[in-house]
Amino acid sequence: MADEKVTVVARFKVKPGLEGKAKQALLDCLAPTRSEAGCINYDLHQSVDDERSFMIHENWASKQALEVHLQTPHLKALLQRADELFSGPVDISLWRTIS
């Protein structure tokens, strides 16, 4: 899987009243992440039914490219704010295309 494209789905539940602050923190990661080598797409979504629920759908050229992303200053800065902004742990899952 190291050389295969990998899809990531990351889901965030924001603490009540912090929707705007969390949304901005997530938006701040878009441009630097999209410019990373190996990033195919990095798209932020907000639930239609629950404004406190956010999801990032991202595709990487390889798991190695994703691992480099996980060490970037902008992502580390966001994750350092997780306890402040999110009501629970970030739900991250990795996927591969089969069809």
C-alpha atoms as a PDB file:
ATOM      1  CA  MET A   1       0.000   0.000   0.000  1.00  0.00           C
ATOM      2  CA  ALA A   2       2.999   2.314   0.407  1.00  0.00           C
ATOM      3  CA  ASP A   3       3.050   3.098  -3.320  1.00  0.00           C
ATOM      4  CA  GLU A   4      -0.724   3.100  -3.832  1.00  0.00           C
ATOM      5  CA  LYS A   5      -2.979   6.121  -3.735  1.00  0.00           C
ATOM      6  CA  VAL A   6      -4.582   6.478  -0.314  1.00  0.00           C
ATOM      7  CA  THR A   7      -7.823   8.240   0.587  1.00  0.00           C
ATOM      8  CA  VAL A   8      -8.320   9.764   4.017  1.00  0.00           C
ATOM      9  CA  VAL A   9     -11.597  10.677   5.661  1.00  0.00           C
ATOM     10  CA  ALA A  10     -11.176  12.800   8.784  1.00  0.00           C
ATOM     11  CA  ARG A  11     -14.267  13.715  10.791  1.00  0.00           C
ATOM     12  CA  PHE A  12     -14.410  16.450  13.437  1.00  0.00           C
ATOM     13  CA  LYS A  13     -17.158  17.346  15.914  1.00  0.00           C
ATOM     14  CA  VAL A  14     -16.727  20.925  17.105  1.00  0.00           C
ATOM     15  CA  LYS A  15     -17.520  22.127  20.609  1.00  0.00           C
ATOM     16  CA  PRO A  16     -20.725  24.204  20.813  1.00  0.00           C
ATOM     17  CA  GLY A  17     -20.141  27.868  20.052  1.00  0.00           C
ATOM     18  CA  LEU A  18     -16.753  27.281  18.410  1.00  0.00           C
ATOM     19  CA  GLU A  19     -18.008  26.516  14.905  1.00  0.00           C
ATOM     20  CA  GLY A  20     -16.550  29.686  13.366  1.00  0.00           C
ATOM     21  CA  LYS A  21     -13.195  29.375  15.101  1.00  0.00           C
ATOM     22  CA  ALA A  22     -12.854  25.687  14.199  1.00  0.00           C
ATOM     23  CA  LYS A  23     -13.945  26.281  10.620  1.00  0.00           C
ATOM     24  CA  GLN A  24     -11.272  28.954  10.219  1.00  0.00           C
ATOM     25  CA  ALA A  25      -8.606  26.694  11.744  1.00  0.00           C
ATOM     26  CA  LEU A  26      -9.541  23.963   9.277  1.00  0.00           C
ATOM     27  CA  LEU A  27      -9.643  26.408   6.351  1.00  0.00           C
ATOM     28  CA  ASP A  28      -6.166  27.659   7.290  1.00  0.00           C
ATOM     29  CA  CYS A  29      -4.782  24.178   6.527  1.00  0.00           C
ATOM     30  CA  LEU A  30      -6.217  23.992   3.009  1.00  0.00           C
ATOM     31  CA  ALA A  31      -3.746  26.063   0.977  1.00  0.00           C
ATOM     32  CA  PRO A  32      -0.534  24.734   2.539  1.00  0.00           C
ATOM     33  CA  THR A  33      -1.773  21.152   2.341  1.00  0.00           C
ATOM     34  CA  ARG A  34      -2.918  21.460  -1.264  1.00  0.00           C
ATOM     35  CA  SER A  35       0.579  22.670  -2.211  1.00  0.00           C
ATOM     36  CA  GLU A  36       2.279  19.605  -0.695  1.00  0.00           C
ATOM     37  CA  ALA A  37       3.907  17.067  -2.984  1.00  0.00           C
ATOM     38  CA  GLY A  38       1.648  14.060  -3.338  1.00  0.00           C
ATOM     39  CA  CYS A  39      -1.577  15.840  -2.419  1.00  0.00           C
ATOM     40  CA  ILE A  40      -4.208  15.035  -5.034  1.00  0.00           C
ATOM     41  CA  ASN A  41      -7.080  16.783  -3.269  1.00  0.00           C
ATOM     42  CA  TYR A  42      -7.869  18.091   0.202  1.00  0.00           C
ATOM     43  CA  ASP A  43     -11.499  19.168   0.565  1.00  0.00           C
ATOM     44  CA  LEU A  44     -13.292  20.467   3.644  1.00  0.00           C
ATOM     45  CA  HIS A  45     -16.989  19.713   4.119  1.00  0.00           C
ATOM     46  CA  GLN A  46     -19.551  20.822   6.721  1.00  0.00           C
ATOM     47  CA  SER A  47     -22.619  18.736   7.496  1.00  0.00           C
ATOM     48  CA  VAL A  48     -25.899  19.972   6.081  1.00  0.00           C
ATOM     49  CA  ASP A  49     -27.719  18.648   9.157  1.00  0.00           C
ATOM     50  CA  ASP A  50     -25.249  19.558  11.926  1.00  0.00           C
ATOM     51  CA  GLU A  51     -23.108  22.699  11.628  1.00  0.00           C
ATOM     52  CA  ARG A  52     -20.768  21.325  14.316  1.00  0.00           C
ATOM     53  CA  SER A  53     -19.738  18.374  12.124  1.00  0.00           C
ATOM     54  CA  PHE A  54     -16.894  18.768   9.636  1.00  0.00           C
ATOM     55  CA  MET A  55     -15.179  16.275   7.369  1.00  0.00           C
ATOM     56  CA  ILE A  56     -12.024  16.443   5.310  1.00  0.00           C
ATOM     57  CA  HIS A  57     -11.839  14.176   2.267  1.00  0.00           C
ATOM     58  CA  GLU A  58      -8.317  13.897   0.949  1.00  0.00           C
ATOM     59  CA  ASN A  59      -6.414  11.825  -1.575  1.00  0.00           C
ATOM     60  CA  TRP A  60      -2.671  11.272  -1.560  1.00  0.00           C
ATOM     61  CA  ALA A  61      -0.433   9.788  -4.234  1.00  0.00           C
ATOM     62  CA  SER A  62       0.983   7.348  -1.652  1.00  0.00           C
ATOM     63  CA  LYS A  63       0.951   6.529   2.024  1.00  0.00           C
ATOM     64  CA  GLN A  64       4.466   7.968   2.187  1.00  0.00           C
ATOM     65  CA  ALA A  65       3.154  11.349   0.967  1.00  0.00           C
ATOM     66  CA  LEU A  66       0.470  11.189   3.663  1.00  0.00           C
ATOM     67  CA  GLU A  67       3.072  10.413   6.319  1.00  0.00           C
ATOM     68  CA  VAL A  68       5.067  13.484   5.272  1.00  0.00           C
ATOM     69  CA  HIS A  69       1.855  15.545   5.518  1.00  0.00           C
ATOM     70  CA  LEU A  70       1.287  14.325   9.079  1.00  0.00           C
ATOM     71  CA  GLN A  71       4.605  15.933  10.083  1.00  0.00           C
ATOM     72  CA  THR A  72       3.942  19.394   8.601  1.00  0.00           C
ATOM     73  CA  PRO A  73       3.842  22.422  10.907  1.00  0.00           C
ATOM     74  CA  HIS A  74       0.355  23.486   9.772  1.00  0.00           C
ATOM     75  CA  LEU A  75      -1.192  20.097  10.557  1.00  0.00           C
ATOM     76  CA  LYS A  76       0.648  19.783  13.857  1.00  0.00           C
ATOM     77  CA  ALA A  77      -0.607  23.270  14.814  1.00  0.00           C
ATOM     78  CA  LEU A  78      -4.197  22.234  14.071  1.00  0.00           C
ATOM     79  CA  LEU A  79      -3.894  19.007  16.043  1.00  0.00           C
ATOM     80  CA  GLN A  80      -2.411  20.894  19.002  1.00  0.00           C
ATOM     81  CA  ARG A  81      -5.698  22.833  19.140  1.00  0.00           C
ATOM     82  CA  ALA A  82      -7.850  19.692  19.015  1.00  0.00           C
ATOM     83  CA  ASP A  83      -8.728  19.722  22.733  1.00  0.00           C
ATOM     84  CA  GLU A  84      -9.687  23.399  22.505  1.00  0.00           C
ATOM     85  CA  LEU A  85     -11.862  23.091  19.386  1.00  0.00           C
ATOM     86  CA  PHE A  86     -13.230  19.559  19.131  1.00  0.00           C
ATOM     87  CA  SER A  87     -15.625  17.762  21.454  1.00  0.00           C
ATOM     88  CA  GLY A  88     -13.901  14.408  20.999  1.00  0.00           C
ATOM     89  CA  PRO A  89     -11.075  12.707  19.172  1.00  0.00           C
ATOM     90  CA  VAL A  90     -10.709  13.251  15.449  1.00  0.00           C
ATOM     91  CA  ASP A  91     -12.045  10.208  13.587  1.00  0.00           C
ATOM     92  CA  ILE A  92      -9.506   9.371  10.853  1.00  0.00           C
ATOM     93  CA  SER A  93      -9.819   6.449   8.484  1.00  0.00           C
ATOM     94  CA  LEU A  94      -7.678   5.375   5.526  1.00  0.00           C
ATOM     95  CA  TRP A  95      -9.173   3.935   2.344  1.00  0.00           C
ATOM     96  CA  ARG A  96      -7.993   2.499  -0.952  1.00  0.00           C
ATOM     97  CA  THR A  97      -9.872   2.434  -4.238  1.00  0.00           C
ATOM     98  CA  ILE A  98     -11.032  -0.984  -5.328  1.00  0.00           C
ATOM     99  CA  SER A  99     -13.191  -0.055  -8.294  1.00  0.00           C
END
